């Protein structure tokens, strides 16, 4: 598995958990709204960081492959 596959699985899992939490919050107020907001912001930041790190890892791998194939000096 490459970095983007792992990142996709992690992001999907975070979004799935957040979606269930969102529905529970709207229909049943499982948490206080301030706690829900903090979890929402934390999930958004985590998803962004996972995406950025995955793209960096992919680009580093691409550069290495291009150097190994003789396209870059």
N, C-alpha and C. Protein backbone atom coordinates (compact mmCIF):
# COMPACT_ATOMS: atom_id res chain seq x y z
N UNK A 1 0.85 -1.19 0.00
CA UNK A 1 0.00 0.00 0.00
C UNK A 1 0.89 1.25 0.00
N UNK A 2 0.50 2.20 -0.80
CA UNK A 2 1.27 3.43 -0.81
C UNK A 2 0.67 4.46 0.15
N UNK A 3 1.33 5.60 0.23
CA UNK A 3 0.94 6.62 1.21
C UNK A 3 -0.47 7.14 0.96
N UNK A 4 -0.84 7.30 -0.30
CA UNK A 4 -2.18 7.83 -0.59
C UNK A 4 -3.28 6.84 -0.24
N UNK A 5 -3.02 5.56 -0.40
CA UNK A 5 -4.02 4.56 0.00
C UNK A 5 -4.24 4.57 1.51
N UNK A 6 -3.14 4.61 2.24
CA UNK A 6 -3.24 4.65 3.71
C UNK A 6 -3.94 5.93 4.15
N UNK A 7 -3.56 7.06 3.54
CA UNK A 7 -4.18 8.33 3.89
C UNK A 7 -5.67 8.31 3.58
N UNK A 8 -6.04 7.71 2.46
CA UNK A 8 -7.45 7.61 2.10
C UNK A 8 -8.25 6.81 3.10
N UNK A 9 -7.67 5.71 3.56
CA UNK A 9 -8.35 4.88 4.55
C UNK A 9 -8.50 5.63 5.87
N UNK A 10 -7.44 6.32 6.30
CA UNK A 10 -7.51 7.09 7.55
C UNK A 10 -8.53 8.21 7.46
N UNK A 11 -8.52 8.93 6.35
CA UNK A 11 -9.47 10.04 6.18
C UNK A 11 -10.90 9.51 6.14
N UNK A 12 -11.11 8.40 5.44
CA UNK A 12 -12.46 7.82 5.38
C UNK A 12 -12.93 7.40 6.76
N UNK A 13 -12.04 6.82 7.56
CA UNK A 13 -12.42 6.41 8.92
C UNK A 13 -12.76 7.62 9.79
N UNK A 14 -11.95 8.67 9.68
CA UNK A 14 -12.23 9.89 10.47
C UNK A 14 -13.56 10.49 10.04
N UNK A 15 -13.80 10.56 8.74
CA UNK A 15 -15.07 11.13 8.26
C UNK A 15 -16.27 10.27 8.67
N UNK A 16 -16.10 8.97 8.66
CA UNK A 16 -17.19 8.08 9.09
C UNK A 16 -17.53 8.30 10.56
N UNK A 17 -16.51 8.34 11.40
CA UNK A 17 -16.74 8.57 12.84
C UNK A 17 -17.35 9.94 13.06
N UNK A 18 -16.83 10.95 12.35
CA UNK A 18 -17.37 12.29 12.52
C UNK A 18 -18.82 12.37 12.03
N UNK A 19 -19.14 11.68 10.94
CA UNK A 19 -20.52 11.67 10.44
C UNK A 19 -21.49 11.08 11.44
N UNK A 20 -21.11 9.98 12.07
CA UNK A 20 -21.96 9.38 13.11
C UNK A 20 -22.09 10.33 14.29
N UNK A 21 -20.99 10.95 14.68
CA UNK A 21 -21.02 11.92 15.77
C UNK A 21 -21.90 13.11 15.42
N UNK A 22 -21.83 13.57 14.20
CA UNK A 22 -22.64 14.70 13.76
C UNK A 22 -24.12 14.37 13.83
N UNK A 23 -24.48 13.21 13.30
CA UNK A 23 -25.90 12.82 13.36
C UNK A 23 -26.38 12.66 14.81
N UNK A 24 -25.55 12.05 15.63
CA UNK A 24 -25.91 11.91 17.04
C UNK A 24 -26.04 13.26 17.74
N UNK A 25 -25.19 14.19 17.35
CA UNK A 25 -25.24 15.51 17.97
C UNK A 25 -26.50 16.26 17.56
N UNK A 26 -26.86 16.16 16.30
CA UNK A 26 -28.05 16.87 15.82
C UNK A 26 -29.33 16.26 16.41
N UNK A 27 -29.41 14.93 16.41
CA UNK A 27 -30.64 14.28 16.84
C UNK A 27 -30.72 14.03 18.33
N UNK A 28 -29.58 13.92 19.00
CA UNK A 28 -29.67 13.58 20.41
C UNK A 28 -28.81 14.39 21.36
N UNK A 29 -28.04 15.33 20.82
CA UNK A 29 -27.11 16.13 21.62
C UNK A 29 -26.31 15.25 22.56
N UNK A 30 -25.47 14.40 21.98
CA UNK A 30 -24.64 13.49 22.77
C UNK A 30 -23.58 14.23 23.58
N UNK A 31 -23.11 15.35 23.04
CA UNK A 31 -22.04 16.12 23.69
C UNK A 31 -22.48 17.56 23.87
N UNK A 32 -21.73 18.27 24.69
CA UNK A 32 -21.94 19.71 24.74
C UNK A 32 -21.47 20.29 23.42
N UNK A 33 -22.08 21.40 23.02
CA UNK A 33 -21.75 21.97 21.71
C UNK A 33 -20.30 22.43 21.64
N UNK A 34 -19.74 22.93 22.72
CA UNK A 34 -18.34 23.35 22.69
C UNK A 34 -17.42 22.15 22.46
N UNK A 35 -17.72 21.02 23.09
CA UNK A 35 -16.93 19.81 22.89
C UNK A 35 -17.08 19.31 21.46
N UNK A 36 -18.29 19.33 20.93
CA UNK A 36 -18.53 18.92 19.55
C UNK A 36 -17.75 19.81 18.58
N UNK A 37 -17.75 21.11 18.83
CA UNK A 37 -17.02 22.03 17.98
C UNK A 37 -15.52 21.74 18.02
N UNK A 38 -14.99 21.48 19.21
CA UNK A 38 -13.57 21.16 19.34
C UNK A 38 -13.23 19.86 18.60
N UNK A 39 -14.09 18.87 18.68
CA UNK A 39 -13.85 17.62 17.96
C UNK A 39 -13.94 17.82 16.45
N UNK A 40 -14.85 18.67 16.01
CA UNK A 40 -14.98 18.97 14.59
C UNK A 40 -13.74 19.65 14.05
N UNK A 41 -13.24 20.65 14.77
CA UNK A 41 -12.03 21.34 14.35
C UNK A 41 -10.84 20.39 14.37
N UNK A 42 -10.75 19.56 15.40
CA UNK A 42 -9.66 18.60 15.49
C UNK A 42 -9.70 17.60 14.33
N UNK A 43 -10.89 17.13 13.97
CA UNK A 43 -11.01 16.21 12.84
C UNK A 43 -10.61 16.89 11.54
N UNK A 44 -11.00 18.13 11.36
CA UNK A 44 -10.66 18.85 10.13
C UNK A 44 -9.15 19.07 10.02
N UNK A 45 -8.53 19.45 11.11
CA UNK A 45 -7.07 19.65 11.10
C UNK A 45 -6.36 18.33 10.85
N UNK A 46 -6.82 17.26 11.47
CA UNK A 46 -6.21 15.94 11.29
C UNK A 46 -6.32 15.48 9.84
N UNK A 47 -7.47 15.66 9.23
CA UNK A 47 -7.66 15.29 7.83
C UNK A 47 -6.72 16.10 6.94
N UNK A 48 -6.61 17.40 7.19
CA UNK A 48 -5.73 18.24 6.39
C UNK A 48 -4.27 17.82 6.53
N UNK A 49 -3.84 17.54 7.75
CA UNK A 49 -2.45 17.13 7.98
C UNK A 49 -2.16 15.79 7.31
N UNK A 50 -3.07 14.85 7.43
CA UNK A 50 -2.88 13.54 6.78
C UNK A 50 -2.76 13.72 5.27
N UNK A 51 -3.60 14.54 4.69
CA UNK A 51 -3.55 14.78 3.25
C UNK A 51 -2.24 15.42 2.81
N UNK A 52 -1.80 16.43 3.55
CA UNK A 52 -0.55 17.12 3.20
C UNK A 52 0.64 16.19 3.32
N UNK A 53 0.71 15.43 4.41
CA UNK A 53 1.83 14.49 4.60
C UNK A 53 1.83 13.42 3.52
N UNK A 54 0.66 12.91 3.16
CA UNK A 54 0.58 11.90 2.11
C UNK A 54 1.07 12.45 0.77
N UNK A 55 0.71 13.69 0.45
CA UNK A 55 1.18 14.28 -0.80
C UNK A 55 2.68 14.50 -0.79
N UNK A 56 3.23 14.91 0.33
CA UNK A 56 4.68 15.09 0.44
C UNK A 56 5.39 13.76 0.23
N UNK A 57 4.91 12.71 0.88
CA UNK A 57 5.52 11.39 0.73
C UNK A 57 5.43 10.92 -0.72
N UNK A 58 4.30 11.15 -1.37
CA UNK A 58 4.14 10.75 -2.77
C UNK A 58 5.13 11.49 -3.67
N UNK A 59 5.28 12.79 -3.45
CA UNK A 59 6.19 13.57 -4.28
C UNK A 59 7.64 13.15 -4.06
N UNK A 60 8.02 12.85 -2.83
CA UNK A 60 9.38 12.39 -2.57
C UNK A 60 9.64 11.06 -3.28
N UNK A 61 8.67 10.18 -3.26
CA UNK A 61 8.79 8.90 -3.96
C UNK A 61 8.88 9.09 -5.46
N UNK A 62 8.11 10.03 -5.98
CA UNK A 62 8.13 10.31 -7.43
C UNK A 62 9.49 10.86 -7.84
N UNK A 63 10.04 11.78 -7.03
CA UNK A 63 11.36 12.32 -7.35
C UNK A 63 12.43 11.24 -7.33
N UNK A 64 12.36 10.35 -6.35
CA UNK A 64 13.34 9.26 -6.27
C UNK A 64 13.23 8.36 -7.50
N UNK A 65 12.02 8.06 -7.91
CA UNK A 65 11.81 7.21 -9.09
C UNK A 65 12.36 7.88 -10.35
N UNK A 66 12.12 9.18 -10.48
CA UNK A 66 12.64 9.90 -11.64
C UNK A 66 14.16 9.93 -11.64
N UNK A 67 14.78 10.09 -10.47
CA UNK A 67 16.25 10.07 -10.38
C UNK A 67 16.77 8.67 -10.72
N UNK A 68 16.13 7.65 -10.20
CA UNK A 68 16.56 6.27 -10.48
C UNK A 68 16.45 5.93 -11.96
N UNK A 69 15.46 6.50 -12.64
CA UNK A 69 15.26 6.23 -14.06
C UNK A 69 16.12 7.13 -14.95
N UNK A 70 16.86 8.08 -14.34
CA UNK A 70 17.77 8.93 -15.10
C UNK A 70 17.13 10.17 -15.70
N UNK A 71 15.92 10.53 -15.28
CA UNK A 71 15.28 11.72 -15.82
C UNK A 71 15.71 12.99 -15.08
N UNK A 72 16.16 12.86 -13.85
CA UNK A 72 16.63 14.00 -13.07
C UNK A 72 18.09 13.77 -12.71
N UNK A 73 18.80 14.87 -12.55
CA UNK A 73 20.22 14.76 -12.16
C UNK A 73 20.37 14.68 -10.66
